[in-house]
Amino acid sequence: MSLSPETYLDSLFKALGAKLIDGHPLYSHKEGHLRFAWETGFALNDFDDKQQKDILSRIYSRYIKACNLKPILDAKDLINEMINGRESKK
């Protein structure tokens, strides 16, 4: 993929906007946050191993900001669901 991990994260959270906190029907509850993590993990397959590790190491701080500092998922749940999404493509 031609995007850097930082550019990918910037684009991802810009596109996501306030959907994690504004009552959006797909993302307004725990299952929705898990869906977001799974979908984001699925996209990791477009990056090499080093870039995937970089994204995984940065994602939780971005997620917290996207949740207006009130995350539903802890870091472990977010990362585990991202890995599940990534593995589903293999």
PDB file of N, CA and C in Angstrom:
ATOM      1  N   MET A   1       0.854  -1.170   0.000  1.00  0.00           N
ATOM      2  CA  MET A   1       0.000   0.000   0.000  1.00  0.00           C
ATOM      3  C   MET A   1       0.898   1.231   0.000  1.00  0.00           C
ATOM      4  N   SER A   2       0.468   2.259  -0.645  1.00  0.00           N
ATOM      5  CA  SER A   2       1.297   3.446  -0.777  1.00  0.00           C
ATOM      6  C   SER A   2       1.170   4.410   0.400  1.00  0.00           C
ATOM      7  N   LEU A   3       0.153   4.255   1.230  1.00  0.00           N
ATOM      8  CA  LEU A   3      -0.007   5.129   2.385  1.00  0.00           C
ATOM      9  C   LEU A   3       0.947   4.725   3.499  1.00  0.00           C
ATOM     10  N   SER A   4       1.479   5.717   4.193  1.00  0.00           N
ATOM     11  CA  SER A   4       2.244   5.416   5.392  1.00  0.00           C
ATOM     12  C   SER A   4       1.262   5.097   6.513  1.00  0.00           C
ATOM     13  N   PRO A   5       1.699   4.395   7.550  1.00  0.00           N
ATOM     14  CA  PRO A   5       0.797   4.126   8.673  1.00  0.00           C
ATOM     15  C   PRO A   5       0.195   5.403   9.268  1.00  0.00           C
ATOM     16  N   GLU A   6       0.979   6.448   9.381  1.00  0.00           N
ATOM     17  CA  GLU A   6       0.480   7.705   9.947  1.00  0.00           C
ATOM     18  C   GLU A   6      -0.593   8.326   9.044  1.00  0.00           C
ATOM     19  N   THR A   7      -0.359   8.323   7.745  1.00  0.00           N
ATOM     20  CA  THR A   7      -1.343   8.858   6.804  1.00  0.00           C
ATOM     21  C   THR A   7      -2.607   8.018   6.813  1.00  0.00           C
ATOM     22  N   TYR A   8      -2.437   6.698   6.894  1.00  0.00           N
ATOM     23  CA  TYR A   8      -3.593   5.813   6.978  1.00  0.00           C
ATOM     24  C   TYR A   8      -4.434   6.140   8.208  1.00  0.00           C
ATOM     25  N   LEU A   9      -3.791   6.259   9.363  1.00  0.00           N
ATOM     26  CA  LEU A   9      -4.524   6.560  10.593  1.00  0.00           C
ATOM     27  C   LEU A   9      -5.200   7.921  10.523  1.00  0.00           C
ATOM     28  N   ASP A  10      -4.493   8.907   9.976  1.00  0.00           N
ATOM     29  CA  ASP A  10      -5.107  10.230   9.808  1.00  0.00           C
ATOM     30  C   ASP A  10      -6.371  10.129   8.942  1.00  0.00           C
ATOM     31  N   SER A  11      -6.261   9.436   7.824  1.00  0.00           N
ATOM     32  CA  SER A  11      -7.396   9.292   6.903  1.00  0.00           C
ATOM     33  C   SER A  11      -8.527   8.492   7.532  1.00  0.00           C
ATOM     34  N   LEU A  12      -8.183   7.423   8.223  1.00  0.00           N
ATOM     35  CA  LEU A  12      -9.176   6.574   8.870  1.00  0.00           C
ATOM     36  C   LEU A  12     -10.006   7.367   9.868  1.00  0.00           C
ATOM     37  N   PHE A  13      -9.329   8.087  10.758  1.00  0.00           N
ATOM     38  CA  PHE A  13     -10.070   8.797  11.799  1.00  0.00           C
ATOM     39  C   PHE A  13     -10.755  10.051  11.272  1.00  0.00           C
ATOM     40  N   LYS A  14     -10.227  10.616  10.205  1.00  0.00           N
ATOM     41  CA  LYS A  14     -10.938  11.732   9.576  1.00  0.00           C
ATOM     42  C   LYS A  14     -12.250  11.229   8.964  1.00  0.00           C
ATOM     43  N   ALA A  15     -12.195  10.085   8.287  1.00  0.00           N
ATOM     44  CA  ALA A  15     -13.399   9.516   7.686  1.00  0.00           C
ATOM     45  C   ALA A  15     -14.387   9.052   8.762  1.00  0.00           C
ATOM     46  N   LEU A  16     -13.876   8.556   9.853  1.00  0.00           N
ATOM     47  CA  LEU A  16     -14.726   8.082  10.945  1.00  0.00           C
ATOM     48  C   LEU A  16     -15.472   9.230  11.611  1.00  0.00           C
ATOM     49  N   GLY A  17     -14.815  10.371  11.706  1.00  0.00           N
ATOM     50  CA  GLY A  17     -15.453  11.525  12.330  1.00  0.00           C
ATOM     51  C   GLY A  17     -15.900  11.222  13.743  1.00  0.00           C
ATOM     52  N   ALA A  18     -17.121  11.565  14.070  1.00  0.00           N
ATOM     53  CA  ALA A  18     -17.657  11.393  15.424  1.00  0.00           C
ATOM     54  C   ALA A  18     -18.553  10.164  15.542  1.00  0.00           C
ATOM     55  N   LYS A  19     -18.448   9.251  14.608  1.00  0.00           N
ATOM     56  CA  LYS A  19     -19.358   8.095  14.596  1.00  0.00           C
ATOM     57  C   LYS A  19     -19.270   7.232  15.853  1.00  0.00           C
ATOM     58  N   LEU A  20     -18.120   7.242  16.541  1.00  0.00           N
ATOM     59  CA  LEU A  20     -17.993   6.433  17.751  1.00  0.00           C
ATOM     60  C   LEU A  20     -18.679   7.068  18.954  1.00  0.00           C
ATOM     61  N   ILE A  21     -19.039   8.349  18.851  1.00  0.00           N
ATOM     62  CA  ILE A  21     -19.642   9.026  20.005  1.00  0.00           C
ATOM     63  C   ILE A  21     -20.968   9.708  19.708  1.00  0.00           C
ATOM     64  N   ASP A  22     -21.400   9.761  18.456  1.00  0.00           N
ATOM     65  CA  ASP A  22     -22.589  10.553  18.130  1.00  0.00           C
ATOM     66  C   ASP A  22     -23.880   9.751  17.985  1.00  0.00           C
ATOM     67  N   GLY A  23     -23.876   8.507  18.410  1.00  0.00           N
ATOM     68  CA  GLY A  23     -25.088   7.707  18.310  1.00  0.00           C
ATOM     69  C   GLY A  23     -25.304   7.073  16.952  1.00  0.00           C
ATOM     70  N   HIS A  24     -24.279   7.045  16.115  1.00  0.00           N
ATOM     71  CA  HIS A  24     -24.383   6.401  14.802  1.00  0.00           C
ATOM     72  C   HIS A  24     -24.792   4.943  15.007  1.00  0.00           C
ATOM     73  N   PRO A  25     -25.803   4.466  14.293  1.00  0.00           N
ATOM     74  CA  PRO A  25     -26.332   3.113  14.550  1.00  0.00           C
ATOM     75  C   PRO A  25     -25.311   1.979  14.382  1.00  0.00           C
ATOM     76  N   LEU A  26     -24.313   2.158  13.538  1.00  0.00           N
ATOM     77  CA  LEU A  26     -23.325   1.087  13.358  1.00  0.00           C
ATOM     78  C   LEU A  26     -22.252   1.069  14.435  1.00  0.00           C
ATOM     79  N   TYR A  27     -21.998   2.205  15.068  1.00  0.00           N
ATOM     80  CA  TYR A  27     -20.844   2.302  15.956  1.00  0.00           C
ATOM     81  C   TYR A  27     -21.147   2.840  17.353  1.00  0.00           C
ATOM     82  N   SER A  28     -22.393   2.942  17.761  1.00  0.00           N
ATOM     83  CA  SER A  28     -22.711   3.637  19.003  1.00  0.00           C
ATOM     84  C   SER A  28     -22.699   2.755  20.256  1.00  0.00           C
ATOM     85  N   HIS A  29     -22.295   1.507  20.153  1.00  0.00           N
ATOM     86  CA  HIS A  29     -22.335   0.590  21.282  1.00  0.00           C
ATOM     87  C   HIS A  29     -21.100  -0.301  21.224  1.00  0.00           C
ATOM     88  N   LYS A  30     -20.923  -1.155  22.212  1.00  0.00           N
ATOM     89  CA  LYS A  30     -19.722  -1.985  22.264  1.00  0.00           C
ATOM     90  C   LYS A  30     -19.557  -2.821  21.001  1.00  0.00           C
ATOM     91  N   GLU A  31     -20.629  -3.425  20.527  1.00  0.00           N
ATOM     92  CA  GLU A  31     -20.523  -4.233  19.312  1.00  0.00           C
ATOM     93  C   GLU A  31     -20.078  -3.391  18.130  1.00  0.00           C
ATOM     94  N   GLY A  32     -20.508  -2.150  18.084  1.00  0.00           N
ATOM     95  CA  GLY A  32     -20.090  -1.249  17.021  1.00  0.00           C
ATOM     96  C   GLY A  32     -18.614  -0.899  17.106  1.00  0.00           C
ATOM     97  N   HIS A  33     -18.121  -0.728  18.320  1.00  0.00           N
ATOM     98  CA  HIS A  33     -16.695  -0.445  18.499  1.00  0.00           C
ATOM     99  C   HIS A  33     -15.867  -1.669  18.129  1.00  0.00           C
ATOM    100  N   LEU A  34     -16.382  -2.845  18.453  1.00  0.00           N
ATOM    101  CA  LEU A  34     -15.699  -4.073  18.028  1.00  0.00           C
ATOM    102  C   LEU A  34     -15.733  -4.199  16.505  1.00  0.00           C
ATOM    103  N   ARG A  35     -16.842  -3.817  15.872  1.00  0.00           N
ATOM    104  CA  ARG A  35     -16.944  -3.827  14.406  1.00  0.00           C
ATOM    105  C   ARG A  35     -15.887  -2.901  13.806  1.00  0.00           C
ATOM    106  N   PHE A  36     -15.772  -1.691  14.382  1.00  0.00           N
ATOM    107  CA  PHE A  36     -14.751  -0.750  13.915  1.00  0.00           C
ATOM    108  C   PHE A  36     -13.360  -1.380  14.015  1.00  0.00           C
ATOM    109  N   ALA A  37     -13.056  -2.018  15.138  1.00  0.00           N
ATOM    110  CA  ALA A  37     -11.748  -2.642  15.326  1.00  0.00           C
ATOM    111  C   ALA A  37     -11.531  -3.763  14.310  1.00  0.00           C
ATOM    112  N   TRP A  38     -12.542  -4.601  14.099  1.00  0.00           N
ATOM    113  CA  TRP A  38     -12.429  -5.705  13.153  1.00  0.00           C
ATOM    114  C   TRP A  38     -12.182  -5.173  11.738  1.00  0.00           C
ATOM    115  N   GLU A  39     -12.966  -4.166  11.339  1.00  0.00           N
ATOM    116  CA  GLU A  39     -12.816  -3.588   9.996  1.00  0.00           C
ATOM    117  C   GLU A  39     -11.437  -2.965   9.815  1.00  0.00           C
ATOM    118  N   THR A  40     -10.969  -2.299  10.844  1.00  0.00           N
ATOM    119  CA  THR A  40      -9.641  -1.682  10.779  1.00  0.00           C
ATOM    120  C   THR A  40      -8.571  -2.766  10.697  1.00  0.00           C
ATOM    121  N   GLY A  41      -8.754  -3.834  11.438  1.00  0.00           N
ATOM    122  CA  GLY A  41      -7.810  -4.952  11.383  1.00  0.00           C
ATOM    123  C   GLY A  41      -7.804  -5.636  10.030  1.00  0.00           C
ATOM    124  N   PHE A  42      -8.968  -5.774   9.426  1.00  0.00           N
ATOM    125  CA  PHE A  42      -9.057  -6.372   8.093  1.00  0.00           C
ATOM    126  C   PHE A  42      -8.188  -5.597   7.105  1.00  0.00           C
ATOM    127  N   ALA A  43      -8.175  -4.278   7.231  1.00  0.00           N
ATOM    128  CA  ALA A  43      -7.393  -3.434   6.333  1.00  0.00           C
ATOM    129  C   ALA A  43      -5.887  -3.542   6.577  1.00  0.00           C
ATOM    130  N   LEU A  44      -5.476  -4.082   7.724  1.00  0.00           N
ATOM    131  CA  LEU A  44      -4.042  -4.225   7.998  1.00  0.00           C
ATOM    132  C   LEU A  44      -3.342  -5.085   6.957  1.00  0.00           C
ATOM    133  N   ASN A  45      -4.075  -5.981   6.324  1.00  0.00           N
ATOM    134  CA  ASN A  45      -3.466  -6.863   5.327  1.00  0.00           C
ATOM    135  C   ASN A  45      -2.888  -6.105   4.137  1.00  0.00           C
ATOM    136  N   ASP A  46      -3.244  -4.838   4.001  1.00  0.00           N
ATOM    137  CA  ASP A  46      -2.704  -4.023   2.914  1.00  0.00           C
ATOM    138  C   ASP A  46      -1.336  -3.446   3.249  1.00  0.00           C
ATOM    139  N   PHE A  47      -0.841  -3.729   4.456  1.00  0.00           N
ATOM    140  CA  PHE A  47       0.438  -3.193   4.914  1.00  0.00           C
ATOM    141  C   PHE A  47       1.405  -4.332   5.213  1.00  0.00           C
ATOM    142  N   ASP A  48       2.707  -4.035   5.145  1.00  0.00           N
ATOM    143  CA  ASP A  48       3.691  -5.054   5.507  1.00  0.00           C
ATOM    144  C   ASP A  48       3.743  -5.195   7.033  1.00  0.00           C
ATOM    145  N   ASP A  49       4.483  -6.177   7.512  1.00  0.00           N
ATOM    146  CA  ASP A  49       4.515  -6.485   8.948  1.00  0.00           C
ATOM    147  C   ASP A  49       4.960  -5.298   9.798  1.00  0.00           C
ATOM    148  N   LYS A  50       5.980  -4.593   9.362  1.00  0.00           N
ATOM    149  CA  LYS A  50       6.485  -3.447  10.125  1.00  0.00           C
ATOM    150  C   LYS A  50       5.412  -2.353  10.215  1.00  0.00           C
ATOM    151  N   GLN A  51       4.753  -2.080   9.108  1.00  0.00           N
ATOM    152  CA  GLN A  51       3.708  -1.061   9.097  1.00  0.00           C
ATOM    153  C   GLN A  51       2.519  -1.482   9.961  1.00  0.00           C
ATOM    154  N   GLN A  52       2.174  -2.773   9.932  1.00  0.00           N
ATOM    155  CA  GLN A  52       1.092  -3.266  10.782  1.00  0.00           C
ATOM    156  C   GLN A  52       1.409  -3.040  12.256  1.00  0.00           C
ATOM    157  N   LYS A  53       2.627  -3.354  12.660  1.00  0.00           N
ATOM    158  CA  LYS A  53       3.032  -3.146  14.052  1.00  0.00           C
ATOM    159  C   LYS A  53       2.965  -1.667  14.419  1.00  0.00           C
ATOM    160  N   ASP A  54       3.353  -0.811  13.495  1.00  0.00           N
ATOM    161  CA  ASP A  54       3.297   0.633  13.731  1.00  0.00           C
ATOM    162  C   ASP A  54       1.844   1.088  13.944  1.00  0.00           C
ATOM    163  N   ILE A  55       0.954   0.617  13.100  1.00  0.00           N
ATOM    164  CA  ILE A  55      -0.466   0.971  13.225  1.00  0.00           C
ATOM    165  C   ILE A  55      -1.022   0.445  14.546  1.00  0.00           C
ATOM    166  N   LEU A  56      -0.731  -0.801  14.861  1.00  0.00           N
ATOM    167  CA  LEU A  56      -1.227  -1.380  16.111  1.00  0.00           C
ATOM    168  C   LEU A  56      -0.699  -0.644  17.339  1.00  0.00           C
ATOM    169  N   SER A  57       0.517  -0.129  17.257  1.00  0.00           N
ATOM    170  CA  SER A  57       1.076   0.591  18.409  1.00  0.00           C
ATOM    171  C   SER A  57       0.492   1.996  18.566  1.00  0.00           C
ATOM    172  N   ARG A  58      -0.066   2.547  17.508  1.00  0.00           N
ATOM    173  CA  ARG A  58      -0.601   3.911  17.551  1.00  0.00           C
ATOM    174  C   ARG A  58      -2.119   3.994  17.665  1.00  0.00           C
ATOM    175  N   ILE A  59      -2.803   2.922  17.367  1.00  0.00           N
ATOM    176  CA  ILE A  59      -4.259   2.982  17.188  1.00  0.00           C
ATOM    177  C   ILE A  59      -5.014   3.332  18.462  1.00  0.00           C
ATOM    178  N   TYR A  60      -4.580   2.818  19.609  1.00  0.00           N
ATOM    179  CA  TYR A  60      -5.390   3.029  20.808  1.00  0.00           C
ATOM    180  C   TYR A  60      -5.441   4.498  21.217  1.00  0.00           C
ATOM    181  N   SER A  61      -4.347   5.202  21.107  1.00  0.00           N
ATOM    182  CA  SER A  61      -4.385   6.632  21.466  1.00  0.00           C
ATOM    183  C   SER A  61      -5.308   7.394  20.520  1.00  0.00           C
ATOM    184  N   ARG A  62      -5.331   7.024  19.261  1.00  0.00           N
ATOM    185  CA  ARG A  62      -6.251   7.648  18.303  1.00  0.00           C
ATOM    186  C   ARG A  62      -7.702   7.289  18.626  1.00  0.00           C
ATOM    187  N   TYR A  63      -7.899   6.032  18.984  1.00  0.00           N
ATOM    188  CA  TYR A  63      -9.245   5.558  19.341  1.00  0.00           C
ATOM    189  C   TYR A  63      -9.785   6.334  20.549  1.00  0.00           C
ATOM    190  N   ILE A  64      -8.954   6.527  21.551  1.00  0.00           N
ATOM    191  CA  ILE A  64      -9.371   7.270  22.744  1.00  0.00           C
ATOM    192  C   ILE A  64      -9.826   8.678  22.366  1.00  0.00           C
ATOM    193  N   LYS A  65      -9.066   9.329  21.521  1.00  0.00           N
ATOM    194  CA  LYS A  65      -9.446  10.680  21.075  1.00  0.00           C
ATOM    195  C   LYS A  65     -10.766  10.647  20.303  1.00  0.00           C
ATOM    196  N   ALA A  66     -10.933   9.635  19.446  1.00  0.00           N
ATOM    197  CA  ALA A  66     -12.164   9.516  18.648  1.00  0.00           C
ATOM    198  C   ALA A  66     -13.382   9.245  19.531  1.00  0.00           C
ATOM    199  N   CYS A  67     -13.139   8.724  20.723  1.00  0.00           N
ATOM    200  CA  CYS A  67     -14.221   8.451  21.684  1.00  0.00           C
ATOM    201  C   CYS A  67     -14.393   9.595  22.676  1.00  0.00           C
ATOM    202  N   ASN A  68     -13.790  10.722  22.385  1.00  0.00           N
ATOM    203  CA  ASN A  68     -13.886  11.876  23.267  1.00  0.00           C
ATOM    204  C   ASN A  68     -13.413  11.531  24.682  1.00  0.00           C
ATOM    205  N   LEU A  69     -12.333  10.762  24.745  1.00  0.00           N
ATOM    206  CA  LEU A  69     -11.683  10.336  25.985  1.00  0.00           C
ATOM    207  C   LEU A  69     -12.547   9.416  26.850  1.00  0.00           C
ATOM    208  N   LYS A  70     -13.550   8.789  26.246  1.00  0.00           N
ATOM    209  CA  LYS A  70     -14.426   7.848  26.955  1.00  0.00           C
ATOM    210  C   LYS A  70     -14.534   6.550  26.160  1.00  0.00           C
ATOM    211  N   PRO A  71     -13.419   5.823  26.017  1.00  0.00           N
ATOM    212  CA  PRO A  71     -13.445   4.614  25.186  1.00  0.00           C
ATOM    213  C   PRO A  71     -14.303   3.514  25.802  1.00  0.00           C
ATOM    214  N   ILE A  72     -14.963   2.779  24.949  1.00  0.00           N
ATOM    215  CA  ILE A  72     -15.746   1.620  25.383  1.00  0.00           C
ATOM    216  C   ILE A  72     -14.833   0.402  25.509  1.00  0.00           C
ATOM    217  N   LEU A  73     -13.879   0.276  24.589  1.00  0.00           N
ATOM    218  CA  LEU A  73     -12.952  -0.856  24.593  1.00  0.00           C
ATOM    219  C   LEU A  73     -11.658  -0.477  25.280  1.00  0.00           C
ATOM    220  N   ASP A  74     -11.037  -1.456  25.936  1.00  0.00           N
ATOM    221  CA  ASP A  74      -9.686  -1.219  26.427  1.00  0.00           C
ATOM    222  C   ASP A  74      -8.713  -1.593  25.299  1.00  0.00           C
ATOM    223  N   ALA A  75      -7.462  -1.287  25.508  1.00  0.00           N
ATOM    224  CA  ALA A  75      -6.461  -1.515  24.455  1.00  0.00           C
ATOM    225  C   ALA A  75      -6.415  -2.983  24.035  1.00  0.00           C
ATOM    226  N   LYS A  76      -6.482  -3.881  25.002  1.00  0.00           N
ATOM    227  CA  LYS A  76      -6.406  -5.310  24.698  1.00  0.00           C
ATOM    228  C   LYS A  76      -7.554  -5.746  23.794  1.00  0.00           C
ATOM    229  N   ASP A  77      -8.774  -5.328  24.122  1.00  0.00           N
ATOM    230  CA  ASP A  77      -9.933  -5.713  23.303  1.00  0.00           C
ATOM    231  C   ASP A  77      -9.846  -5.122  21.897  1.00  0.00           C
ATOM    232  N   LEU A  78      -9.427  -3.863  21.801  1.00  0.00           N
ATOM    233  CA  LEU A  78      -9.301  -3.220  20.490  1.00  0.00           C
ATOM    234  C   LEU A  78      -8.284  -3.956  19.627  1.00  0.00           C
ATOM    235  N   ILE A  79      -7.102  -4.198  20.174  1.00  0.00           N
ATOM    236  CA  ILE A  79      -6.031  -4.849  19.413  1.00  0.00           C
ATOM    237  C   ILE A  79      -6.413  -6.289  19.066  1.00  0.00           C
ATOM    238  N   ASN A  80      -6.981  -7.016  20.017  1.00  0.00           N
ATOM    239  CA  ASN A  80      -7.379  -8.405  19.734  1.00  0.00           C
ATOM    240  C   ASN A  80      -8.393  -8.480  18.603  1.00  0.00           C
ATOM    241  N   GLU A  81      -9.355  -7.557  18.603  1.00  0.00           N
ATOM    242  CA  GLU A  81     -10.359  -7.587  17.537  1.00  0.00           C
ATOM    243  C   GLU A  81      -9.751  -7.160  16.200  1.00  0.00           C
ATOM    244  N   MET A  82      -8.785  -6.261  16.231  1.00  0.00           N
ATOM    245  CA  MET A  82      -8.081  -5.901  14.995  1.00  0.00           C
ATOM    246  C   MET A  82      -7.330  -7.110  14.450  1.00  0.00           C
ATOM    247  N   ILE A  83      -6.695  -7.849  15.321  1.00  0.00           N
ATOM    248  CA  ILE A  83      -5.965  -9.052  14.888  1.00  0.00           C
ATOM    249  C   ILE A  83      -6.951 -10.084  14.334  1.00  0.00           C
ATOM    250  N   ASN A  84      -8.114 -10.228  14.970  1.00  0.00           N
ATOM    251  CA  ASN A  84      -9.141 -11.137  14.426  1.00  0.00           C
ATOM    252  C   ASN A  84      -9.542 -10.718  13.014  1.00  0.00           C
ATOM    253  N   GLY A  85      -9.724  -9.413  12.812  1.00  0.00           N
ATOM    254  CA  GLY A  85     -10.075  -8.925  11.482  1.00  0.00           C
ATOM    255  C   GLY A  85      -8.981  -9.182  10.467  1.00  0.00           C
ATOM    256  N   ARG A  86      -7.749  -8.949  10.877  1.00  0.00           N
ATOM    257  CA  ARG A  86      -6.612  -9.193   9.990  1.00  0.00           C
ATOM    258  C   ARG A  86      -6.536 -10.670   9.617  1.00  0.00           C
ATOM    259  N   GLU A  87      -6.676 -11.545  10.603  1.00  0.00           N
ATOM    260  CA  GLU A  87      -6.556 -12.982  10.360  1.00  0.00           C
ATOM    261  C   GLU A  87      -7.696 -13.535   9.518  1.00  0.00           C
ATOM    262  N   SER A  88      -8.837 -12.884   9.523  1.00  0.00           N
ATOM    263  CA  SER A  88      -9.973 -13.407   8.754  1.00  0.00           C
ATOM    264  C   SER A  88      -9.732 -13.356   7.252  1.00  0.00           C
ATOM    265  N   LYS A  89      -8.804 -12.520   6.821  1.00  0.00           N
ATOM    266  CA  LYS A  89      -8.520 -12.370   5.388  1.00  0.00           C
ATOM    267  C   LYS A  89      -7.515 -13.401   4.902  1.00  0.00           C
ATOM    268  N   LYS A  90      -6.796 -14.007   5.811  1.00  0.00           N
ATOM    269  CA  LYS A  90      -5.739 -14.939   5.403  1.00  0.00           C
ATOM    270  C   LYS A  90      -6.291 -16.294   5.046  1.00  0.00           C
TER     271      LYS A  90
END
